[in-house]
Amino acid sequence: MHILGTLIIGFIVGLLARWLHPGDDKMGIVLTTILGIAGAFAATYGGQALHLYAPGENAGFIGAVIGAIVLLVVIGLIRRAAK
């Protein structure tokens, strides 16, 4: 997947992760987009580097959603600990 494709998928994944993750996270569209992009990059290139899937497989999209949800949970925990 090209970098531009990963960015677009990351935006979609960020929105999807926010929808799937329960709770009230007070994040704007910018942080949601960054979260999705980070999850997409980590899952796409990390999974390919570990030879879990090849470029263009559906597992990359699913991995990106899971990666973004994990990042959402971690950010929520960090925010709660900082209060």
PDB file of N, CA and C in Angstrom:
ATOM      1  N   MET A   1       0.847  -1.164   0.000  1.00  0.00           N
ATOM      2  CA  MET A   1       0.000   0.000   0.000  1.00  0.00           C
ATOM      3  C   MET A   1       0.898   1.235   0.000  1.00  0.00           C
ATOM      4  N   HIS A   2       0.553   2.191  -0.795  1.00  0.00           N
ATOM      5  CA  HIS A   2       1.337   3.420  -0.852  1.00  0.00           C
ATOM      6  C   HIS A   2       1.046   4.282   0.370  1.00  0.00           C
ATOM      7  N   ILE A   3       1.913   5.237   0.605  1.00  0.00           N
ATOM      8  CA  ILE A   3       1.773   6.088   1.787  1.00  0.00           C
ATOM      9  C   ILE A   3       0.469   6.885   1.741  1.00  0.00           C
ATOM     10  N   LEU A   4       0.095   7.412   0.576  1.00  0.00           N
ATOM     11  CA  LEU A   4      -1.154   8.170   0.473  1.00  0.00           C
ATOM     12  C   LEU A   4      -2.348   7.275   0.791  1.00  0.00           C
ATOM     13  N   GLY A   5      -2.322   6.052   0.310  1.00  0.00           N
ATOM     14  CA  GLY A   5      -3.386   5.099   0.623  1.00  0.00           C
ATOM     15  C   GLY A   5      -3.454   4.802   2.108  1.00  0.00           C
ATOM     16  N   THR A   6      -2.292   4.682   2.735  1.00  0.00           N
ATOM     17  CA  THR A   6      -2.242   4.435   4.178  1.00  0.00           C
ATOM     18  C   THR A   6      -2.806   5.627   4.948  1.00  0.00           C
ATOM     19  N   LEU A   7      -2.535   6.840   4.484  1.00  0.00           N
ATOM     20  CA  LEU A   7      -3.089   8.029   5.138  1.00  0.00           C
ATOM     21  C   LEU A   7      -4.612   8.057   5.045  1.00  0.00           C
ATOM     22  N   ILE A   8      -5.141   7.748   3.870  1.00  0.00           N
ATOM     23  CA  ILE A   8      -6.595   7.745   3.689  1.00  0.00           C
ATOM     24  C   ILE A   8      -7.233   6.646   4.528  1.00  0.00           C
ATOM     25  N   ILE A   9      -6.649   5.453   4.479  1.00  0.00           N
ATOM     26  CA  ILE A   9      -7.145   4.345   5.299  1.00  0.00           C
ATOM     27  C   ILE A   9      -7.038   4.717   6.780  1.00  0.00           C
ATOM     28  N   GLY A  10      -5.963   5.384   7.166  1.00  0.00           N
ATOM     29  CA  GLY A  10      -5.781   5.804   8.558  1.00  0.00           C
ATOM     30  C   GLY A  10      -6.875   6.729   9.034  1.00  0.00           C
ATOM     31  N   PHE A  11      -7.306   7.634   8.189  1.00  0.00           N
ATOM     32  CA  PHE A  11      -8.403   8.537   8.550  1.00  0.00           C
ATOM     33  C   PHE A  11      -9.684   7.739   8.779  1.00  0.00           C
ATOM     34  N   ILE A  12      -9.985   6.846   7.855  1.00  0.00           N
ATOM     35  CA  ILE A  12     -11.189   6.019   7.974  1.00  0.00           C
ATOM     36  C   ILE A  12     -11.103   5.125   9.203  1.00  0.00           C
ATOM     37  N   VAL A  13      -9.928   4.542   9.418  1.00  0.00           N
ATOM     38  CA  VAL A  13      -9.717   3.656  10.562  1.00  0.00           C
ATOM     39  C   VAL A  13      -9.868   4.419  11.875  1.00  0.00           C
ATOM     40  N   GLY A  14      -9.370   5.637  11.942  1.00  0.00           N
ATOM     41  CA  GLY A  14      -9.512   6.448  13.155  1.00  0.00           C
ATOM     42  C   GLY A  14     -10.973   6.688  13.496  1.00  0.00           C
ATOM     43  N   LEU A  15     -11.766   7.017  12.495  1.00  0.00           N
ATOM     44  CA  LEU A  15     -13.194   7.218  12.725  1.00  0.00           C
ATOM     45  C   LEU A  15     -13.879   5.920  13.138  1.00  0.00           C
ATOM     46  N   LEU A  16     -13.508   4.828  12.491  1.00  0.00           N
ATOM     47  CA  LEU A  16     -14.089   3.527  12.812  1.00  0.00           C
ATOM     48  C   LEU A  16     -13.703   3.083  14.226  1.00  0.00           C
ATOM     49  N   ALA A  17     -12.458   3.316  14.605  1.00  0.00           N
ATOM     50  CA  ALA A  17     -11.999   2.948  15.949  1.00  0.00           C
ATOM     51  C   ALA A  17     -12.739   3.752  17.010  1.00  0.00           C
ATOM     52  N   ARG A  18     -12.964   5.029  16.744  1.00  0.00           N
ATOM     53  CA  ARG A  18     -13.718   5.858  17.686  1.00  0.00           C
ATOM     54  C   ARG A  18     -15.142   5.347  17.835  1.00  0.00           C
ATOM     55  N   TRP A  19     -15.725   4.877  16.743  1.00  0.00           N
ATOM     56  CA  TRP A  19     -17.084   4.365  16.766  1.00  0.00           C
ATOM     57  C   TRP A  19     -17.163   3.032  17.514  1.00  0.00           C
ATOM     58  N   LEU A  20     -16.137   2.189  17.352  1.00  0.00           N
ATOM     59  CA  LEU A  20     -16.124   0.870  17.976  1.00  0.00           C
ATOM     60  C   LEU A  20     -15.729   0.909  19.445  1.00  0.00           C
ATOM     61  N   HIS A  21     -14.929   1.881  19.843  1.00  0.00           N
ATOM     62  CA  HIS A  21     -14.431   1.966  21.214  1.00  0.00           C
ATOM     63  C   HIS A  21     -15.499   2.580  22.113  1.00  0.00           C
ATOM     64  N   PRO A  22     -15.914   1.864  23.168  1.00  0.00           N
ATOM     65  CA  PRO A  22     -16.938   2.422  24.048  1.00  0.00           C
ATOM     66  C   PRO A  22     -16.368   3.520  24.934  1.00  0.00           C
ATOM     67  N   GLY A  23     -17.236   4.377  25.400  1.00  0.00           N
ATOM     68  CA  GLY A  23     -16.815   5.432  26.320  1.00  0.00           C
ATOM     69  C   GLY A  23     -16.823   6.791  25.664  1.00  0.00           C
ATOM     70  N   ASP A  24     -16.622   7.799  26.477  1.00  0.00           N
ATOM     71  CA  ASP A  24     -16.652   9.179  26.008  1.00  0.00           C
ATOM     72  C   ASP A  24     -15.232   9.723  25.987  1.00  0.00           C
ATOM     73  N   ASP A  25     -14.592   9.631  24.844  1.00  0.00           N
ATOM     74  CA  ASP A  25     -13.260  10.213  24.674  1.00  0.00           C
ATOM     75  C   ASP A  25     -13.427  11.590  24.060  1.00  0.00           C
ATOM     76  N   LYS A  26     -12.874  12.565  24.705  1.00  0.00           N
ATOM     77  CA  LYS A  26     -13.014  13.924  24.211  1.00  0.00           C
ATOM     78  C   LYS A  26     -11.835  14.249  23.288  1.00  0.00           C
ATOM     79  N   MET A  27     -11.918  13.724  22.068  1.00  0.00           N
ATOM     80  CA  MET A  27     -10.885  13.982  21.070  1.00  0.00           C
ATOM     81  C   MET A  27     -11.534  14.654  19.877  1.00  0.00           C
ATOM     82  N   GLY A  28     -10.828  15.566  19.297  1.00  0.00           N
ATOM     83  CA  GLY A  28     -11.314  16.221  18.091  1.00  0.00           C
ATOM     84  C   GLY A  28     -10.985  15.405  16.854  1.00  0.00           C
ATOM     85  N   ILE A  29     -11.350  15.943  15.725  1.00  0.00           N
ATOM     86  CA  ILE A  29     -11.136  15.255  14.451  1.00  0.00           C
ATOM     87  C   ILE A  29      -9.644  15.135  14.140  1.00  0.00           C
ATOM     88  N   VAL A  30      -8.852  16.094  14.569  1.00  0.00           N
ATOM     89  CA  VAL A  30      -7.419  16.053  14.293  1.00  0.00           C
ATOM     90  C   VAL A  30      -6.751  14.904  15.045  1.00  0.00           C
ATOM     91  N   LEU A  31      -7.023  14.783  16.334  1.00  0.00           N
ATOM     92  CA  LEU A  31      -6.426  13.699  17.119  1.00  0.00           C
ATOM     93  C   LEU A  31      -6.952  12.342  16.674  1.00  0.00           C
ATOM     94  N   THR A  32      -8.223  12.292  16.289  1.00  0.00           N
ATOM     95  CA  THR A  32      -8.783  11.052  15.767  1.00  0.00           C
ATOM     96  C   THR A  32      -8.070  10.635  14.489  1.00  0.00           C
ATOM     97  N   THR A  33      -7.818  11.590  13.625  1.00  0.00           N
ATOM     98  CA  THR A  33      -7.116  11.308  12.372  1.00  0.00           C
ATOM     99  C   THR A  33      -5.688  10.848  12.647  1.00  0.00           C
ATOM    100  N   ILE A  34      -4.999  11.518  13.532  1.00  0.00           N
ATOM    101  CA  ILE A  34      -3.621  11.136  13.875  1.00  0.00           C
ATOM    102  C   ILE A  34      -3.599   9.740  14.482  1.00  0.00           C
ATOM    103  N   LEU A  35      -4.561   9.452  15.342  1.00  0.00           N
ATOM    104  CA  LEU A  35      -4.671   8.132  15.943  1.00  0.00           C
ATOM    105  C   LEU A  35      -4.862   7.055  14.875  1.00  0.00           C
ATOM    106  N   GLY A  36      -5.760   7.290  13.947  1.00  0.00           N
ATOM    107  CA  GLY A  36      -6.002   6.327  12.882  1.00  0.00           C
ATOM    108  C   GLY A  36      -4.803   6.138  11.981  1.00  0.00           C
ATOM    109  N   ILE A  37      -4.142   7.225  11.650  1.00  0.00           N
ATOM    110  CA  ILE A  37      -2.961   7.145  10.797  1.00  0.00           C
ATOM    111  C   ILE A  37      -1.850   6.382  11.496  1.00  0.00           C
ATOM    112  N   ALA A  38      -1.643   6.654  12.790  1.00  0.00           N
ATOM    113  CA  ALA A  38      -0.613   5.929  13.543  1.00  0.00           C
ATOM    114  C   ALA A  38      -0.940   4.441  13.619  1.00  0.00           C
ATOM    115  N   GLY A  39      -2.205   4.124  13.873  1.00  0.00           N
ATOM    116  CA  GLY A  39      -2.613   2.722  13.906  1.00  0.00           C
ATOM    117  C   GLY A  39      -2.456   2.047  12.561  1.00  0.00           C
ATOM    118  N   ALA A  40      -2.807   2.759  11.500  1.00  0.00           N
ATOM    119  CA  ALA A  40      -2.684   2.204  10.148  1.00  0.00           C
ATOM    120  C   ALA A  40      -1.226   1.962   9.780  1.00  0.00           C
ATOM    121  N   PHE A  41      -0.365   2.928  10.076  1.00  0.00           N
ATOM    122  CA  PHE A  41       1.057   2.746   9.770  1.00  0.00           C
ATOM    123  C   PHE A  41       1.662   1.612  10.582  1.00  0.00           C
ATOM    124  N   ALA A  42       1.353   1.574  11.878  1.00  0.00           N
ATOM    125  CA  ALA A  42       1.912   0.525  12.730  1.00  0.00           C
ATOM    126  C   ALA A  42       1.456  -0.851  12.271  1.00  0.00           C
ATOM    127  N   ALA A  43       0.173  -0.991  11.987  1.00  0.00           N
ATOM    128  CA  ALA A  43      -0.354  -2.295  11.585  1.00  0.00           C
ATOM    129  C   ALA A  43       0.083  -2.673  10.176  1.00  0.00           C
ATOM    130  N   THR A  44       0.058  -1.714   9.260  1.00  0.00           N
ATOM    131  CA  THR A  44       0.402  -2.020   7.873  1.00  0.00           C
ATOM    132  C   THR A  44       1.859  -2.422   7.739  1.00  0.00           C
ATOM    133  N   TYR A  45       2.738  -1.546   8.172  1.00  0.00           N
ATOM    134  CA  TYR A  45       4.152  -1.809   7.971  1.00  0.00           C
ATOM    135  C   TYR A  45       4.723  -2.779   9.004  1.00  0.00           C
ATOM    136  N   GLY A  46       4.177  -2.769  10.210  1.00  0.00           N
ATOM    137  CA  GLY A  46       4.605  -3.738  11.227  1.00  0.00           C
ATOM    138  C   GLY A  46       4.208  -5.155  10.848  1.00  0.00           C
ATOM    139  N   GLY A  47       2.964  -5.315  10.404  1.00  0.00           N
ATOM    140  CA  GLY A  47       2.493  -6.639   9.994  1.00  0.00           C
ATOM    141  C   GLY A  47       3.228  -7.168   8.776  1.00  0.00           C
ATOM    142  N   GLN A  48       3.547  -6.284   7.839  1.00  0.00           N
ATOM    143  CA  GLN A  48       4.311  -6.698   6.661  1.00  0.00           C
ATOM    144  C   GLN A  48       5.742  -7.038   7.029  1.00  0.00           C
ATOM    145  N   ALA A  49       6.323  -6.279   7.953  1.00  0.00           N
ATOM    146  CA  ALA A  49       7.701  -6.553   8.372  1.00  0.00           C
ATOM    147  C   ALA A  49       7.798  -7.883   9.110  1.00  0.00           C
ATOM    148  N   LEU A  50       6.747  -8.244   9.841  1.00  0.00           N
ATOM    149  CA  LEU A  50       6.725  -9.519  10.557  1.00  0.00           C
ATOM    150  C   LEU A  50       6.202 -10.664   9.691  1.00  0.00           C
ATOM    151  N   HIS A  51       5.906 -10.356   8.438  1.00  0.00           N
ATOM    152  CA  HIS A  51       5.412 -11.332   7.465  1.00  0.00           C
ATOM    153  C   HIS A  51       4.094 -11.970   7.911  1.00  0.00           C
ATOM    154  N   LEU A  52       3.246 -11.170   8.556  1.00  0.00           N
ATOM    155  CA  LEU A  52       1.931 -11.657   8.955  1.00  0.00           C
ATOM    156  C   LEU A  52       0.963 -11.637   7.778  1.00  0.00           C
ATOM    157  N   TYR A  53       1.153 -10.689   6.869  1.00  0.00           N
ATOM    158  CA  TYR A  53       0.333 -10.592   5.666  1.00  0.00           C
ATOM    159  C   TYR A  53       1.097  -9.812   4.609  1.00  0.00           C
ATOM    160  N   ALA A  54       0.636  -9.977   3.374  1.00  0.00           N
ATOM    161  CA  ALA A  54       1.272  -9.303   2.235  1.00  0.00           C
ATOM    162  C   ALA A  54       0.592  -7.959   1.995  1.00  0.00           C
ATOM    163  N   PRO A  55       1.250  -7.062   1.275  1.00  0.00           N
ATOM    164  CA  PRO A  55       0.621  -5.776   0.950  1.00  0.00           C
ATOM    165  C   PRO A  55      -0.686  -5.982   0.194  1.00  0.00           C
ATOM    166  N   GLY A  56      -1.708  -5.218   0.575  1.00  0.00           N
ATOM    167  CA  GLY A  56      -2.993  -5.266  -0.110  1.00  0.00           C
ATOM    168  C   GLY A  56      -3.977  -6.286   0.439  1.00  0.00           C
ATOM    169  N   GLU A  57      -3.613  -7.039   1.437  1.00  0.00           N
ATOM    170  CA  GLU A  57      -4.536  -8.017   2.017  1.00  0.00           C
ATOM    171  C   GLU A  57      -5.506  -7.333   2.976  1.00  0.00           C
ATOM    172  N   ASN A  58      -6.692  -7.927   3.140  1.00  0.00           N
ATOM    173  CA  ASN A  58      -7.694  -7.374   4.052  1.00  0.00           C
ATOM    174  C   ASN A  58      -7.234  -7.402   5.495  1.00  0.00           C
ATOM    175  N   ALA A  59      -6.334  -8.294   5.828  1.00  0.00           N
ATOM    176  CA  ALA A  59      -5.820  -8.374   7.192  1.00  0.00           C
ATOM    177  C   ALA A  59      -5.142  -7.063   7.593  1.00  0.00           C
ATOM    178  N   GLY A  60      -4.574  -6.351   6.639  1.00  0.00           N
ATOM    179  CA  GLY A  60      -3.952  -5.064   6.940  1.00  0.00           C
ATOM    180  C   GLY A  60      -4.952  -4.045   7.424  1.00  0.00           C
ATOM    181  N   PHE A  61      -6.133  -4.022   6.821  1.00  0.00           N
ATOM    182  CA  PHE A  61      -7.177  -3.088   7.247  1.00  0.00           C
ATOM    183  C   PHE A  61      -7.683  -3.457   8.636  1.00  0.00           C
ATOM    184  N   ILE A  62      -7.920  -4.731   8.852  1.00  0.00           N
ATOM    185  CA  ILE A  62      -8.387  -5.201  10.155  1.00  0.00           C
ATOM    186  C   ILE A  62      -7.331  -4.911  11.226  1.00  0.00           C
ATOM    187  N   GLY A  63      -6.071  -5.152  10.895  1.00  0.00           N
ATOM    188  CA  GLY A  63      -4.979  -4.854  11.819  1.00  0.00           C
ATOM    189  C   GLY A  63      -4.886  -3.375  12.123  1.00  0.00           C
ATOM    190  N   ALA A  64      -5.146  -2.532  11.123  1.00  0.00           N
ATOM    191  CA  ALA A  64      -5.107  -1.089  11.329  1.00  0.00           C
ATOM    192  C   ALA A  64      -6.213  -0.656  12.289  1.00  0.00           C
ATOM    193  N   VAL A  65      -7.396  -1.241  12.163  1.00  0.00           N
ATOM    194  CA  VAL A  65      -8.490  -0.915  13.089  1.00  0.00           C
ATOM    195  C   VAL A  65      -8.122  -1.335  14.510  1.00  0.00           C
ATOM    196  N   ILE A  66      -7.581  -2.540  14.648  1.00  0.00           N
ATOM    197  CA  ILE A  66      -7.186  -3.019  15.975  1.00  0.00           C
ATOM    198  C   ILE A  66      -6.074  -2.146  16.548  1.00  0.00           C
ATOM    199  N   GLY A  67      -5.107  -1.775  15.711  1.00  0.00           N
ATOM    200  CA  GLY A  67      -4.027  -0.896  16.169  1.00  0.00           C
ATOM    201  C   GLY A  67      -4.532   0.452  16.631  1.00  0.00           C
ATOM    202  N   ALA A  68      -5.508   1.012  15.914  1.00  0.00           N
ATOM    203  CA  ALA A  68      -6.057   2.304  16.305  1.00  0.00           C
ATOM    204  C   ALA A  68      -6.851   2.193  17.605  1.00  0.00           C
ATOM    205  N   ILE A  69      -7.593   1.099  17.781  1.00  0.00           N
ATOM    206  CA  ILE A  69      -8.342   0.909  19.022  1.00  0.00           C
ATOM    207  C   ILE A  69      -7.382   0.775  20.207  1.00  0.00           C
ATOM    208  N   VAL A  70      -6.299   0.040  20.003  1.00  0.00           N
ATOM    209  CA  VAL A  70      -5.297  -0.102  21.068  1.00  0.00           C
ATOM    210  C   VAL A  70      -4.718   1.262  21.423  1.00  0.00           C
ATOM    211  N   LEU A  71      -4.401   2.071  20.417  1.00  0.00           N
ATOM    212  CA  LEU A  71      -3.886   3.412  20.687  1.00  0.00           C
ATOM    213  C   LEU A  71      -4.923   4.266  21.407  1.00  0.00           C
ATOM    214  N   LEU A  72      -6.196   4.118  21.059  1.00  0.00           N
ATOM    215  CA  LEU A  72      -7.252   4.859  21.732  1.00  0.00           C
ATOM    216  C   LEU A  72      -7.324   4.502  23.212  1.00  0.00           C
ATOM    217  N   VAL A  73      -7.218   3.218  23.508  1.00  0.00           N
ATOM    218  CA  VAL A  73      -7.244   2.759  24.901  1.00  0.00           C
ATOM    219  C   VAL A  73      -6.028   3.295  25.664  1.00  0.00           C
ATOM    220  N   VAL A  74      -4.865   3.222  25.053  1.00  0.00           N
ATOM    221  CA  VAL A  74      -3.638   3.700  25.709  1.00  0.00           C
ATOM    222  C   VAL A  74      -3.724   5.201  25.967  1.00  0.00           C
ATOM    223  N   ILE A  75      -4.201   5.960  25.009  1.00  0.00           N
ATOM    224  CA  ILE A  75      -4.333   7.406  25.198  1.00  0.00           C
ATOM    225  C   ILE A  75      -5.331   7.703  26.317  1.00  0.00           C
ATOM    226  N   GLY A  76      -6.424   6.934  26.372  1.00  0.00           N
ATOM    227  CA  GLY A  76      -7.398   7.112  27.452  1.00  0.00           C
ATOM    228  C   GLY A  76      -6.798   6.834  28.815  1.00  0.00           C
ATOM    229  N   LEU A  77      -5.983   5.778  28.902  1.00  0.00           N
ATOM    230  CA  LEU A  77      -5.327   5.465  30.176  1.00  0.00           C
ATOM    231  C   LEU A  77      -4.333   6.548  30.584  1.00  0.00           C
ATOM    232  N   ILE A  78      -3.601   7.067  29.632  1.00  0.00           N
ATOM    233  CA  ILE A  78      -2.634   8.124  29.926  1.00  0.00           C
ATOM    234  C   ILE A  78      -3.354   9.383  30.387  1.00  0.00           C
ATOM    235  N   ARG A  79      -4.461   9.719  29.730  1.00  0.00           N
ATOM    236  CA  ARG A  79      -5.220  10.909  30.128  1.00  0.00           C
ATOM    237  C   ARG A  79      -5.793  10.766  31.538  1.00  0.00           C
ATOM    238  N   ARG A  80      -6.295   9.567  31.875  1.00  0.00           N
ATOM    239  CA  ARG A  80      -6.838   9.350  33.219  1.00  0.00           C
ATOM    240  C   ARG A  80      -5.756   9.416  34.272  1.00  0.00           C
ATOM    241  N   ALA A  81      -4.569   8.898  33.956  1.00  0.00           N
ATOM    242  CA  ALA A  81      -3.465   8.907  34.920  1.00  0.00           C
ATOM    243  C   ALA A  81      -2.946  10.327  35.128  1.00  0.00           C
ATOM    244  N   ALA A  82      -3.072  11.171  34.124  1.00  0.00           N
ATOM    245  CA  ALA A  82      -2.563  12.544  34.216  1.00  0.00           C
ATOM    246  C   ALA A  82      -3.478  13.450  35.034  1.00  0.00           C
ATOM    247  N   LYS A  83      -4.714  13.032  35.241  1.00  0.00           N
ATOM    248  CA  LYS A  83      -5.664  13.889  35.987  1.00  0.00           C
ATOM    249  C   LYS A  83      -5.414  13.869  37.436  1.00  0.00           C
TER     250      LYS A  83
END
